[in-house]
Amino acid sequence: MSSQSTAELRKARGRWQWGPAAKESGKIMIPIILWTLHDLGGSITDRPSGRCGAKLIEEAQKRNYAVTPSFRGGTGTGSVSAMLAELESGRYAGCIAREKGKKRTYKITLLLTEDEMPERPFPVKVTKMADRPKLTPVPRPVKPMSVFVQPVADHAGFGNGGPDPDYVPPTVVPDPPARAPEPIQPELPENPDTPDVEDVVLPQIPPLLVIPENENTFDLLIELNQLAARALIASSRTPAKIGPSPEALDEAAQRLAATVEENQRLRTKVNILQETVVAKGKEAEALRKALMLAQGNLKAIQDNVNQGEGRERALARLRDTERTMQARPAVRG
């Protein structure tokens, strides 16, 4: 690739942007390769063996970059070569330049500046198991226990006269579990506008029915019976009103009749308009046919007028010919 085409590619690229078809492995490895070259001073060389791709991956691993498994340990030579080809003359052409033979790469040079490169990848810190500090186990405190031993004449209850029938083995009494500390209630600030409990006035709800203390129960029952009888008589005298009143029914009937009449009038008007539309359509069709006939007649008249002069001349010649044929021949003396 010439230097002019590389400069044009760099000028047209501008700020690095990933395309919609960019693969996830490319998004991981391309920044690692470019920034490793940048950290190495812009180029990497391996003249004797021509393994610049594998050497570049090893340098990336030394910097703790998250190299994908297909590129690790030098086993992904084909993947490295394909990625370098993409960066040189493929999808991301103009990013690097290579000095290579048939199957070897002797030098790789970075052609991008920091402003044109993708975002720098973060190194991953790897800690080996041998390098990790050993943890020292912390001994747990042993909780003391209270032991109550009943005094006996001899160990295990054996005295001079044999086993003691009243011997009771020692009983271990554990300490009571420690109680959790009670939560401390936060003290709320005092509000100077809050009245004291003694100053609060509770509302007094009046009773629904007030009955004097000296009221007689029998008199109350008699009064209740009289009220019930009066309510029964009043309900029997008043006719039961179920449904709307006759005036409302008459008004509703009048409105319904007016609505039906207006509906019938509108229906008749619609029928008349439909018949008028049909008649106008037939009239328009007849006028269209008459117009076509008139146009045909007018065209025939125009044709006759255009051909009239020729016919008159032909007719005149025909008449001259008839007269000549009917004339007697001249007699010479």
C-alpha atoms as a PDB file:
ATOM      1  CA  MET A   1       0.000   0.000   0.000  1.00  0.00           C
ATOM      2  CA  SER A   2       1.464   3.393  -1.027  1.00  0.00           C
ATOM      3  CA  SER A   3       2.029   6.238   1.424  1.00  0.00           C
ATOM      4  CA  GLN A   4      -0.469   8.443  -0.442  1.00  0.00           C
ATOM      5  CA  SER A   5      -3.309   5.933  -0.129  1.00  0.00           C
ATOM      6  CA  THR A   6      -2.489   5.378   3.564  1.00  0.00           C
ATOM      7  CA  ALA A   7      -2.596   9.127   4.220  1.00  0.00           C
ATOM      8  CA  GLU A   8      -5.935   9.372   2.403  1.00  0.00           C
ATOM      9  CA  LEU A   9      -7.339   6.521   4.495  1.00  0.00           C
ATOM     10  CA  ARG A  10      -6.170   8.170   7.723  1.00  0.00           C
ATOM     11  CA  LYS A  11      -7.630  11.505   6.679  1.00  0.00           C
ATOM     12  CA  ALA A  12     -10.963   9.951   5.728  1.00  0.00           C
ATOM     13  CA  ARG A  13     -11.131   7.860   8.932  1.00  0.00           C
ATOM     14  CA  GLY A  14     -10.784  10.593  11.577  1.00  0.00           C
ATOM     15  CA  ARG A  15     -11.858   9.522  15.054  1.00  0.00           C
ATOM     16  CA  TRP A  16     -12.063   5.740  15.550  1.00  0.00           C
ATOM     17  CA  GLN A  17     -15.585   4.369  15.286  1.00  0.00           C
ATOM     18  CA  TRP A  18     -16.726   0.761  15.358  1.00  0.00           C
ATOM     19  CA  GLY A  19     -18.930  -0.317  12.472  1.00  0.00           C
ATOM     20  CA  PRO A  20     -22.153  -2.314  12.844  1.00  0.00           C
ATOM     21  CA  ALA A  21     -20.452  -5.474  11.485  1.00  0.00           C
ATOM     22  CA  ALA A  22     -17.542  -5.376  13.952  1.00  0.00           C
ATOM     23  CA  LYS A  23     -17.051  -8.672  15.794  1.00  0.00           C
ATOM     24  CA  GLU A  24     -16.672  -8.907  19.555  1.00  0.00           C
ATOM     25  CA  SER A  25     -13.211 -10.502  19.272  1.00  0.00           C
ATOM     26  CA  GLY A  26     -12.083  -7.640  17.046  1.00  0.00           C
ATOM     27  CA  LYS A  27     -13.341  -5.065  19.543  1.00  0.00           C
ATOM     28  CA  ILE A  28     -11.180  -6.767  22.192  1.00  0.00           C
ATOM     29  CA  MET A  29      -7.995  -7.559  20.249  1.00  0.00           C
ATOM     30  CA  ILE A  30      -7.631  -4.540  17.932  1.00  0.00           C
ATOM     31  CA  PRO A  31      -7.216  -2.009  20.805  1.00  0.00           C
ATOM     32  CA  ILE A  32      -4.803  -4.436  22.543  1.00  0.00           C
ATOM     33  CA  ILE A  33      -2.607  -4.773  19.415  1.00  0.00           C
ATOM     34  CA  LEU A  34      -2.597  -1.046  18.611  1.00  0.00           C
ATOM     35  CA  TRP A  35      -1.886   0.136  22.160  1.00  0.00           C
ATOM     36  CA  THR A  36       0.807  -2.512  22.663  1.00  0.00           C
ATOM     37  CA  LEU A  37       2.536  -1.175  19.545  1.00  0.00           C
ATOM     38  CA  HIS A  38       2.111   2.336  20.921  1.00  0.00           C
ATOM     39  CA  ASP A  39       3.667   1.336  24.262  1.00  0.00           C
ATOM     40  CA  LEU A  40       6.588  -0.298  22.414  1.00  0.00           C
ATOM     41  CA  GLY A  41       7.404   3.008  20.693  1.00  0.00           C
ATOM     42  CA  GLY A  42       5.318   2.529  17.571  1.00  0.00           C
ATOM     43  CA  SER A  43       6.952  -0.584  16.072  1.00  0.00           C
ATOM     44  CA  ILE A  44       8.135  -4.101  16.838  1.00  0.00           C
ATOM     45  CA  THR A  45      10.920  -5.987  14.993  1.00  0.00           C
ATOM     46  CA  ASP A  46      11.925  -9.644  14.809  1.00  0.00           C
ATOM     47  CA  ARG A  47      14.475  -9.963  12.021  1.00  0.00           C
ATOM     48  CA  PRO A  48      15.928 -13.439  12.470  1.00  0.00           C
ATOM     49  CA  SER A  49      12.729 -15.497  12.936  1.00  0.00           C
ATOM     50  CA  GLY A  50       9.962 -13.264  11.577  1.00  0.00           C
ATOM     51  CA  ARG A  51       7.527 -13.970  14.429  1.00  0.00           C
ATOM     52  CA  CYS A  52       6.409 -10.385  15.064  1.00  0.00           C
ATOM     53  CA  GLY A  53       2.779 -11.408  15.525  1.00  0.00           C
ATOM     54  CA  ALA A  54       3.493 -13.922  18.297  1.00  0.00           C
ATOM     55  CA  LYS A  55       6.015 -11.535  19.861  1.00  0.00           C
ATOM     56  CA  LEU A  56       3.409  -8.766  19.872  1.00  0.00           C
ATOM     57  CA  ILE A  57       0.886 -11.026  21.652  1.00  0.00           C
ATOM     58  CA  GLU A  58       3.537 -11.951  24.234  1.00  0.00           C
ATOM     59  CA  GLU A  59       4.181  -8.249  24.895  1.00  0.00           C
ATOM     60  CA  ALA A  60       0.448  -7.702  25.351  1.00  0.00           C
ATOM     61  CA  GLN A  61       0.285 -10.539  27.868  1.00  0.00           C
ATOM     62  CA  LYS A  62       3.225  -9.046  29.765  1.00  0.00           C
ATOM     63  CA  ARG A  63       1.164  -5.880  30.148  1.00  0.00           C
ATOM     64  CA  ASN A  64      -1.737  -7.946  31.583  1.00  0.00           C
ATOM     65  CA  TYR A  65      -4.140  -7.187  28.734  1.00  0.00           C
ATOM     66  CA  ALA A  66      -7.181  -9.485  28.421  1.00  0.00           C
ATOM     67  CA  VAL A  67      -6.015 -11.460  25.366  1.00  0.00           C
ATOM     68  CA  THR A  68      -8.667 -13.826  24.036  1.00  0.00           C
ATOM     69  CA  PRO A  69      -7.912 -17.604  24.296  1.00  0.00           C
ATOM     70  CA  SER A  70      -7.438 -18.051  20.521  1.00  0.00           C
ATOM     71  CA  PHE A  71      -4.449 -15.658  20.607  1.00  0.00           C
ATOM     72  CA  ARG A  72      -2.706 -16.933  23.770  1.00  0.00           C
ATOM     73  CA  GLY A  73       0.510 -18.925  23.964  1.00  0.00           C
ATOM     74  CA  GLY A  74       1.392 -18.539  20.305  1.00  0.00           C
ATOM     75  CA  THR A  75      -1.200 -21.156  19.262  1.00  0.00           C
ATOM     76  CA  GLY A  76      -3.327 -18.666  17.361  1.00  0.00           C
ATOM     77  CA  THR A  77      -0.807 -17.749  14.650  1.00  0.00           C
ATOM     78  CA  GLY A  78      -3.444 -17.807  11.975  1.00  0.00           C
ATOM     79  CA  SER A  79      -5.738 -15.580  14.019  1.00  0.00           C
ATOM     80  CA  VAL A  80      -2.907 -13.087  14.600  1.00  0.00           C
ATOM     81  CA  SER A  81      -2.015 -13.041  10.901  1.00  0.00           C
ATOM     82  CA  ALA A  82      -5.657 -12.525   9.911  1.00  0.00           C
ATOM     83  CA  MET A  83      -6.039  -9.699  12.427  1.00  0.00           C
ATOM     84  CA  LEU A  84      -2.845  -7.980  11.199  1.00  0.00           C
ATOM     85  CA  ALA A  85      -4.031  -8.329   7.588  1.00  0.00           C
ATOM     86  CA  GLU A  86      -7.322  -6.651   8.525  1.00  0.00           C
ATOM     87  CA  LEU A  87      -5.411  -3.779  10.160  1.00  0.00           C
ATOM     88  CA  GLU A  88      -3.084  -3.373   7.195  1.00  0.00           C
ATOM     89  CA  SER A  89      -5.222  -3.758   4.076  1.00  0.00           C
ATOM     90  CA  GLY A  90      -8.571  -5.171   5.119  1.00  0.00           C
ATOM     91  CA  ARG A  91     -11.572  -3.705   6.906  1.00  0.00           C
ATOM     92  CA  TYR A  92      -9.376  -1.448   9.097  1.00  0.00           C
ATOM     93  CA  ALA A  93      -6.814  -0.635   6.387  1.00  0.00           C
ATOM     94  CA  GLY A  94      -4.188   1.994   7.116  1.00  0.00           C
ATOM     95  CA  CYS A  95      -3.699   1.251  10.818  1.00  0.00           C
ATOM     96  CA  ILE A  96      -0.343  -0.575  10.539  1.00  0.00           C
ATOM     97  CA  ALA A  97       2.374  -1.327   7.989  1.00  0.00           C
ATOM     98  CA  ARG A  98       4.273  -4.627   7.807  1.00  0.00           C
ATOM     99  CA  GLU A  99       7.584  -5.791   6.382  1.00  0.00           C
ATOM    100  CA  LYS A 100       7.006  -9.432   5.570  1.00  0.00           C
ATOM    101  CA  GLY A 101       8.059 -12.293   3.432  1.00  0.00           C
ATOM    102  CA  LYS A 102       5.943 -15.154   2.153  1.00  0.00           C
ATOM    103  CA  LYS A 103       4.976 -16.486   5.598  1.00  0.00           C
ATOM    104  CA  ARG A 104       6.983 -14.296   7.989  1.00  0.00           C
ATOM    105  CA  THR A 105       6.486 -10.827   9.430  1.00  0.00           C
ATOM    106  CA  TYR A 106       9.746  -9.061  10.295  1.00  0.00           C
ATOM    107  CA  LYS A 107       8.478  -5.639  11.352  1.00  0.00           C
ATOM    108  CA  ILE A 108       5.143  -4.045  12.324  1.00  0.00           C
ATOM    109  CA  THR A 109       4.812  -0.262  12.420  1.00  0.00           C
ATOM    110  CA  LEU A 110       1.884   1.719  13.909  1.00  0.00           C
ATOM    111  CA  LEU A 111       0.474   4.411  11.580  1.00  0.00           C
ATOM    112  CA  LEU A 112      -2.118   5.973  13.914  1.00  0.00           C
ATOM    113  CA  THR A 113      -1.845   8.703  16.499  1.00  0.00           C
ATOM    114  CA  GLU A 114      -3.415   8.538  19.935  1.00  0.00           C
ATOM    115  CA  ASP A 115      -6.385  10.645  18.784  1.00  0.00           C
ATOM    116  CA  GLU A 116      -7.121   8.219  15.926  1.00  0.00           C
ATOM    117  CA  MET A 117      -6.879   5.033  18.003  1.00  0.00           C
ATOM    118  CA  PRO A 118      -9.739   3.310  19.861  1.00  0.00           C
ATOM    119  CA  GLU A 119     -10.127   3.578  23.590  1.00  0.00           C
ATOM    120  CA  ARG A 120      -7.213   2.111  25.582  1.00  0.00           C
ATOM    121  CA  PRO A 121      -8.069  -1.289  27.156  1.00  0.00           C
ATOM    122  CA  PHE A 122      -7.702  -1.724  30.879  1.00  0.00           C
ATOM    123  CA  PRO A 123      -5.073  -4.244  32.037  1.00  0.00           C
ATOM    124  CA  VAL A 124      -6.277  -7.172  34.123  1.00  0.00           C
ATOM    125  CA  LYS A 125      -4.257  -7.831  37.278  1.00  0.00           C
ATOM    126  CA  VAL A 126      -3.605 -11.569  37.719  1.00  0.00           C
ATOM    127  CA  THR A 127      -2.407 -12.848  41.103  1.00  0.00           C
ATOM    128  CA  LYS A 128      -0.993 -16.359  41.329  1.00  0.00           C
ATOM    129  CA  MET A 129      -1.903 -18.638  44.189  1.00  0.00           C
ATOM    130  CA  ALA A 130       1.755 -18.773  45.356  1.00  0.00           C
ATOM    131  CA  ASP A 131       1.940 -14.972  45.542  1.00  0.00           C
ATOM    132  CA  ARG A 132      -1.144 -14.599  47.694  1.00  0.00           C
ATOM    133  CA  PRO A 133      -0.507 -13.939  51.399  1.00  0.00           C
ATOM    134  CA  LYS A 134      -1.313 -16.788  53.733  1.00  0.00           C
ATOM    135  CA  LEU A 135      -4.093 -16.164  56.188  1.00  0.00           C
ATOM    136  CA  THR A 136      -3.416 -16.880  59.857  1.00  0.00           C
ATOM    137  CA  PRO A 137      -6.382 -18.503  61.613  1.00  0.00           C
ATOM    138  CA  VAL A 138      -7.702 -16.465  64.517  1.00  0.00           C
ATOM    139  CA  PRO A 139      -8.505 -18.612  67.590  1.00  0.00           C
ATOM    140  CA  ARG A 140     -12.014 -18.288  68.869  1.00  0.00           C
ATOM    141  CA  PRO A 141     -12.433 -17.424  72.567  1.00  0.00           C
ATOM    142  CA  VAL A 142     -13.566 -20.348  74.719  1.00  0.00           C
ATOM    143  CA  LYS A 143     -16.638 -19.543  76.716  1.00  0.00           C
ATOM    144  CA  PRO A 144     -16.230 -20.541  80.418  1.00  0.00           C
ATOM    145  CA  MET A 145     -18.812 -22.872  81.950  1.00  0.00           C
ATOM    146  CA  SER A 146     -19.870 -23.230  85.551  1.00  0.00           C
ATOM    147  CA  VAL A 147     -19.575 -26.759  87.006  1.00  0.00           C
ATOM    148  CA  PHE A 148     -21.410 -27.767  90.132  1.00  0.00           C
ATOM    149  CA  VAL A 149     -19.911 -30.875  91.822  1.00  0.00           C
ATOM    150  CA  GLN A 150     -21.745 -32.542  94.680  1.00  0.00           C
ATOM    151  CA  PRO A 151     -19.284 -33.510  97.434  1.00  0.00           C
ATOM    152  CA  VAL A 152     -19.086 -37.298  97.915  1.00  0.00           C
ATOM    153  CA  ALA A 153     -17.126 -39.576 100.240  1.00  0.00           C
ATOM    154  CA  ASP A 154     -15.043 -41.081  97.478  1.00  0.00           C
ATOM    155  CA  HIS A 155     -14.562 -40.754  93.682  1.00  0.00           C
ATOM    156  CA  ALA A 156     -17.496 -42.151  91.704  1.00  0.00           C
ATOM    157  CA  GLY A 157     -19.418 -42.618  94.970  1.00  0.00           C
ATOM    158  CA  PHE A 158     -17.331 -45.492  96.270  1.00  0.00           C
ATOM    159  CA  GLY A 159     -16.474 -45.281  99.982  1.00  0.00           C
ATOM    160  CA  ASN A 160     -15.234 -47.785 102.412  1.00  0.00           C
ATOM    161  CA  GLY A 161     -18.572 -49.529 102.461  1.00  0.00           C
ATOM    162  CA  GLY A 162     -19.100 -49.747  98.640  1.00  0.00           C
ATOM    163  CA  PRO A 163     -21.142 -47.567  96.227  1.00  0.00           C
ATOM    164  CA  ASP A 164     -23.206 -44.851  97.780  1.00  0.00           C
ATOM    165  CA  PRO A 165     -26.888 -45.309  96.795  1.00  0.00           C
ATOM    166  CA  ASP A 166     -27.522 -41.543  97.124  1.00  0.00           C
ATOM    167  CA  TYR A 167     -24.671 -40.583  94.790  1.00  0.00           C
ATOM    168  CA  VAL A 168     -25.609 -38.047  92.049  1.00  0.00           C
ATOM    169  CA  PRO A 169     -23.133 -37.362  89.208  1.00  0.00           C
ATOM    170  CA  PRO A 170     -21.900 -33.822  88.744  1.00  0.00           C
ATOM    171  CA  THR A 171     -24.262 -31.553  86.816  1.00  0.00           C
ATOM    172  CA  VAL A 172     -22.917 -29.062  84.286  1.00  0.00           C
ATOM    173  CA  VAL A 173     -24.899 -25.846  84.352  1.00  0.00           C
ATOM    174  CA  PRO A 174     -24.182 -23.633  81.300  1.00  0.00           C
ATOM    175  CA  ASP A 175     -24.223 -19.891  81.634  1.00  0.00           C
ATOM    176  CA  PRO A 176     -27.348 -18.153  80.409  1.00  0.00           C
ATOM    177  CA  PRO A 177     -27.020 -16.741  76.905  1.00  0.00           C
ATOM    178  CA  ALA A 178     -26.061 -13.138  76.698  1.00  0.00           C
ATOM    179  CA  ARG A 179     -28.972 -10.862  75.938  1.00  0.00           C
ATOM    180  CA  ALA A 180     -28.779  -8.624  72.945  1.00  0.00           C
ATOM    181  CA  PRO A 181     -28.479  -4.970  73.808  1.00  0.00           C
ATOM    182  CA  GLU A 182     -31.721  -3.076  73.550  1.00  0.00           C
ATOM    183  CA  PRO A 183     -31.876  -0.660  70.646  1.00  0.00           C
ATOM    184  CA  ILE A 184     -31.398   2.906  71.604  1.00  0.00           C
ATOM    185  CA  GLN A 185     -34.354   5.014  70.675  1.00  0.00           C
ATOM    186  CA  PRO A 186     -33.295   8.314  69.154  1.00  0.00           C
ATOM    187  CA  GLU A 187     -34.441  11.323  71.032  1.00  0.00           C
ATOM    188  CA  LEU A 188     -36.639  13.500  68.893  1.00  0.00           C
ATOM    189  CA  PRO A 189     -36.205  17.255  69.173  1.00  0.00           C
ATOM    190  CA  GLU A 190     -38.920  19.005  71.086  1.00  0.00           C
ATOM    191  CA  ASN A 191     -41.316  21.121  69.106  1.00  0.00           C
ATOM    192  CA  PRO A 192     -42.149  24.319  70.991  1.00  0.00           C
ATOM    193  CA  ASP A 193     -45.458  24.574  69.111  1.00  0.00           C
ATOM    194  CA  THR A 194     -46.685  21.190  70.401  1.00  0.00           C
ATOM    195  CA  PRO A 195     -49.185  21.702  73.252  1.00  0.00           C
ATOM    196  CA  ASP A 196     -48.964  19.727  76.472  1.00  0.00           C
ATOM    197  CA  VAL A 197     -51.204  16.742  77.083  1.00  0.00           C
ATOM    198  CA  GLU A 198     -53.128  18.572  79.764  1.00  0.00           C
ATOM    199  CA  ASP A 199     -53.884  21.474  77.406  1.00  0.00           C
ATOM    200  CA  VAL A 200     -55.419  19.276  74.672  1.00  0.00           C
ATOM    201  CA  VAL A 201     -59.220  19.549  74.540  1.00  0.00           C
ATOM    202  CA  LEU A 202     -60.971  16.398  73.348  1.00  0.00           C
ATOM    203  CA  PRO A 203     -64.190  16.897  71.333  1.00  0.00           C
ATOM    204  CA  GLN A 204     -67.412  15.974  73.053  1.00  0.00           C
ATOM    205  CA  ILE A 205     -69.861  13.983  70.887  1.00  0.00           C
ATOM    206  CA  PRO A 206     -73.469  14.580  71.905  1.00  0.00           C
ATOM    207  CA  PRO A 207     -75.622  11.450  72.382  1.00  0.00           C
ATOM    208  CA  LEU A 208     -78.044  10.487  69.632  1.00  0.00           C
ATOM    209  CA  LEU A 209     -81.009  10.150  71.991  1.00  0.00           C
ATOM    210  CA  VAL A 210     -81.477  11.862  75.323  1.00  0.00           C
ATOM    211  CA  ILE A 211     -83.778  10.064  77.788  1.00  0.00           C
ATOM    212  CA  PRO A 212     -84.447  11.616  81.153  1.00  0.00           C
ATOM    213  CA  GLU A 213     -83.699   9.442  84.148  1.00  0.00           C
ATOM    214  CA  ASN A 214     -87.259   9.682  85.541  1.00  0.00           C
ATOM    215  CA  GLU A 215     -88.848   8.546  82.241  1.00  0.00           C
ATOM    216  CA  ASN A 216     -91.298   5.617  82.522  1.00  0.00           C
ATOM    217  CA  THR A 217     -90.696   2.651  80.242  1.00  0.00           C
ATOM    218  CA  PHE A 218     -94.413   1.820  79.889  1.00  0.00           C
ATOM    219  CA  ASP A 219     -95.218   5.355  78.693  1.00  0.00           C
ATOM    220  CA  LEU A 220     -92.478   5.097  76.096  1.00  0.00           C
ATOM    221  CA  LEU A 221     -93.894   1.830  74.769  1.00  0.00           C
ATOM    222  CA  ILE A 222     -97.400   3.350  74.474  1.00  0.00           C
ATOM    223  CA  GLU A 223     -96.025   6.351  72.608  1.00  0.00           C
ATOM    224  CA  LEU A 224     -94.116   4.058  70.220  1.00  0.00           C
ATOM    225  CA  ASN A 225     -97.304   2.048  69.533  1.00  0.00           C
ATOM    226  CA  GLN A 226     -99.247   5.220  68.755  1.00  0.00           C
ATOM    227  CA  LEU A 227     -96.567   6.432  66.341  1.00  0.00           C
ATOM    228  CA  ALA A 228     -96.588   3.095  64.520  1.00  0.00           C
ATOM    229  CA  ALA A 229    -100.375   3.165  64.187  1.00  0.00           C
ATOM    230  CA  ARG A 230    -100.323   6.732  62.839  1.00  0.00           C
ATOM    231  CA  ALA A 231     -97.647   5.788  60.280  1.00  0.00           C
ATOM    232  CA  LEU A 232     -99.722   2.775  59.135  1.00  0.00           C
ATOM    233  CA  ILE A 233    -102.893   4.854  58.716  1.00  0.00           C
ATOM    234  CA  ALA A 234    -101.028   7.563  56.795  1.00  0.00           C
ATOM    235  CA  SER A 235     -99.485   5.016  54.459  1.00  0.00           C
ATOM    236  CA  SER A 236    -102.894   3.423  53.771  1.00  0.00           C
ATOM    237  CA  ARG A 237    -104.518   6.808  52.960  1.00  0.00           C
ATOM    238  CA  THR A 238    -101.735   7.916  50.582  1.00  0.00           C
ATOM    239  CA  PRO A 239    -101.896   6.097  47.215  1.00  0.00           C
ATOM    240  CA  ALA A 240     -98.759   4.225  46.375  1.00  0.00           C
ATOM    241  CA  LYS A 241     -96.754   5.993  43.713  1.00  0.00           C
ATOM    242  CA  ILE A 242     -94.895   3.417  41.686  1.00  0.00           C
ATOM    243  CA  GLY A 243     -93.105   4.700  38.627  1.00  0.00           C
ATOM    244  CA  PRO A 244     -93.340   8.154  37.051  1.00  0.00           C
ATOM    245  CA  SER A 245     -96.336  10.430  37.334  1.00  0.00           C
ATOM    246  CA  PRO A 246     -99.044  10.645  34.604  1.00  0.00           C
ATOM    247  CA  GLU A 247     -97.847  14.141  33.636  1.00  0.00           C
ATOM    248  CA  ALA A 248     -94.338  12.793  33.036  1.00  0.00           C
ATOM    249  CA  LEU A 249     -95.762   9.897  31.011  1.00  0.00           C
ATOM    250  CA  ASP A 250     -97.832  12.286  28.849  1.00  0.00           C
ATOM    251  CA  GLU A 251     -94.809  14.496  28.243  1.00  0.00           C
ATOM    252  CA  ALA A 252     -92.671  11.494  27.301  1.00  0.00           C
ATOM    253  CA  ALA A 253     -95.394  10.251  24.938  1.00  0.00           C
ATOM    254  CA  GLN A 254     -95.600  13.668  23.266  1.00  0.00           C
ATOM    255  CA  ARG A 255     -91.825  13.773  22.803  1.00  0.00           C
ATOM    256  CA  LEU A 256     -91.848  10.248  21.383  1.00  0.00           C
ATOM    257  CA  ALA A 257     -94.641  11.113  18.929  1.00  0.00           C
ATOM    258  CA  ALA A 258     -92.792  14.253  17.811  1.00  0.00           C
ATOM    259  CA  THR A 259     -89.597  12.265  17.340  1.00  0.00           C
ATOM    260  CA  VAL A 260     -91.381   9.577  15.297  1.00  0.00           C
ATOM    261  CA  GLU A 261     -93.020  12.230  13.123  1.00  0.00           C
ATOM    262  CA  GLU A 262     -89.719  14.018  12.532  1.00  0.00           C
ATOM    263  CA  ASN A 263     -88.073  10.706  11.724  1.00  0.00           C
ATOM    264  CA  GLN A 264     -90.796   9.888   9.184  1.00  0.00           C
ATOM    265  CA  ARG A 265     -90.444  13.324   7.587  1.00  0.00           C
ATOM    266  CA  LEU A 266     -86.697  12.944   7.259  1.00  0.00           C
ATOM    267  CA  ARG A 267     -87.110   9.435   5.836  1.00  0.00           C
ATOM    268  CA  THR A 268     -89.514  10.761   3.186  1.00  0.00           C
ATOM    269  CA  LYS A 269     -87.109  13.572   2.314  1.00  0.00           C
ATOM    270  CA  VAL A 270     -84.262  11.079   1.948  1.00  0.00           C
ATOM    271  CA  ASN A 271     -86.376   8.915  -0.398  1.00  0.00           C
ATOM    272  CA  ILE A 272     -87.218  11.944  -2.533  1.00  0.00           C
ATOM    273  CA  LEU A 273     -83.580  12.933  -2.731  1.00  0.00           C
ATOM    274  CA  GLN A 274     -82.592   9.386  -3.724  1.00  0.00           C
ATOM    275  CA  GLU A 275     -85.189   9.367  -6.511  1.00  0.00           C
ATOM    276  CA  THR A 276     -83.938  12.782  -7.675  1.00  0.00           C
ATOM    277  CA  VAL A 277     -80.378  11.499  -7.781  1.00  0.00           C
ATOM    278  CA  VAL A 278     -81.437   8.477  -9.854  1.00  0.00           C
ATOM    279  CA  ALA A 279     -83.405  10.690 -12.276  1.00  0.00           C
ATOM    280  CA  LYS A 280     -80.498  13.124 -12.624  1.00  0.00           C
ATOM    281  CA  GLY A 281     -78.187  10.201 -13.347  1.00  0.00           C
ATOM    282  CA  LYS A 282     -80.481   8.923 -16.113  1.00  0.00           C
ATOM    283  CA  GLU A 283     -80.782  12.434 -17.535  1.00  0.00           C
ATOM    284  CA  ALA A 284     -77.020  12.850 -17.529  1.00  0.00           C
ATOM    285  CA  GLU A 285     -76.634   9.507 -19.344  1.00  0.00           C
ATOM    286  CA  ALA A 286     -79.162  10.582 -22.003  1.00  0.00           C
ATOM    287  CA  LEU A 287     -77.389  13.912 -22.450  1.00  0.00           C
ATOM    288  CA  ARG A 288     -74.067  12.105 -22.801  1.00  0.00           C
ATOM    289  CA  LYS A 289     -75.501   9.900 -25.581  1.00  0.00           C
ATOM    290  CA  ALA A 290     -77.021  12.913 -27.355  1.00  0.00           C
ATOM    291  CA  LEU A 291     -73.698  14.723 -27.149  1.00  0.00           C
ATOM    292  CA  MET A 292     -71.887  11.748 -28.694  1.00  0.00           C
ATOM    293  CA  LEU A 293     -74.468  11.593 -31.511  1.00  0.00           C
ATOM    294  CA  ALA A 294     -74.185  15.320 -32.156  1.00  0.00           C
ATOM    295  CA  GLN A 295     -70.409  15.083 -32.268  1.00  0.00           C
ATOM    296  CA  GLY A 296     -70.672  12.251 -34.829  1.00  0.00           C
ATOM    297  CA  ASN A 297     -73.059  14.273 -37.014  1.00  0.00           C
ATOM    298  CA  LEU A 298     -70.852  17.335 -36.788  1.00  0.00           C
ATOM    299  CA  LYS A 299     -67.830  15.326 -37.878  1.00  0.00           C
ATOM    300  CA  ALA A 300     -69.784  13.897 -40.852  1.00  0.00           C
ATOM    301  CA  ILE A 301     -70.855  17.413 -41.881  1.00  0.00           C
ATOM    302  CA  GLN A 302     -67.282  18.653 -41.649  1.00  0.00           C
ATOM    303  CA  ASP A 303     -66.111  15.760 -43.800  1.00  0.00           C
ATOM    304  CA  ASN A 304     -68.791  16.501 -46.401  1.00  0.00           C
ATOM    305  CA  VAL A 305     -67.857  20.185 -46.439  1.00  0.00           C
ATOM    306  CA  ASN A 306     -64.191  19.344 -46.883  1.00  0.00           C
ATOM    307  CA  GLN A 307     -64.952  16.956 -49.750  1.00  0.00           C
ATOM    308  CA  GLY A 308     -67.763  19.056 -51.363  1.00  0.00           C
ATOM    309  CA  GLU A 309     -65.604  21.066 -53.815  1.00  0.00           C
ATOM    310  CA  GLY A 310     -63.998  17.981 -55.313  1.00  0.00           C
ATOM    311  CA  ARG A 311     -67.366  16.329 -55.806  1.00  0.00           C
ATOM    312  CA  GLU A 312     -68.798  19.408 -57.602  1.00  0.00           C
ATOM    313  CA  ARG A 313     -65.841  19.540 -59.984  1.00  0.00           C
ATOM    314  CA  ALA A 314     -66.165  15.799 -60.707  1.00  0.00           C
ATOM    315  CA  LEU A 315     -69.919  16.250 -61.287  1.00  0.00           C
ATOM    316  CA  ALA A 316     -69.292  19.158 -63.696  1.00  0.00           C
ATOM    317  CA  ARG A 317     -66.766  17.160 -65.703  1.00  0.00           C
ATOM    318  CA  LEU A 318     -69.201  14.237 -65.834  1.00  0.00           C
ATOM    319  CA  ARG A 319     -71.957  16.476 -67.207  1.00  0.00           C
ATOM    320  CA  ASP A 320     -69.613  17.962 -69.840  1.00  0.00           C
ATOM    321  CA  THR A 321     -68.701  14.476 -70.902  1.00  0.00           C
ATOM    322  CA  GLU A 322     -72.395  13.514 -71.228  1.00  0.00           C
ATOM    323  CA  ARG A 323     -73.180  16.574 -73.309  1.00  0.00           C
ATOM    324  CA  THR A 324     -70.237  15.895 -75.599  1.00  0.00           C
ATOM    325  CA  MET A 325     -71.327  12.349 -76.060  1.00  0.00           C
ATOM    326  CA  GLN A 326     -74.932  13.342 -76.786  1.00  0.00           C
ATOM    327  CA  ALA A 327     -73.974  16.055 -79.288  1.00  0.00           C
ATOM    328  CA  ARG A 328     -74.273  15.213 -83.031  1.00  0.00           C
ATOM    329  CA  PRO A 329     -71.119  15.048 -85.039  1.00  0.00           C
ATOM    330  CA  ALA A 330     -70.530  17.981 -87.405  1.00  0.00           C
ATOM    331  CA  VAL A 331     -71.102  17.266 -91.170  1.00  0.00           C
ATOM    332  CA  ARG A 332     -68.480  18.570 -93.464  1.00  0.00           C
ATOM    333  CA  GLY A 333     -69.528  19.705 -96.947  1.00  0.00           C
END
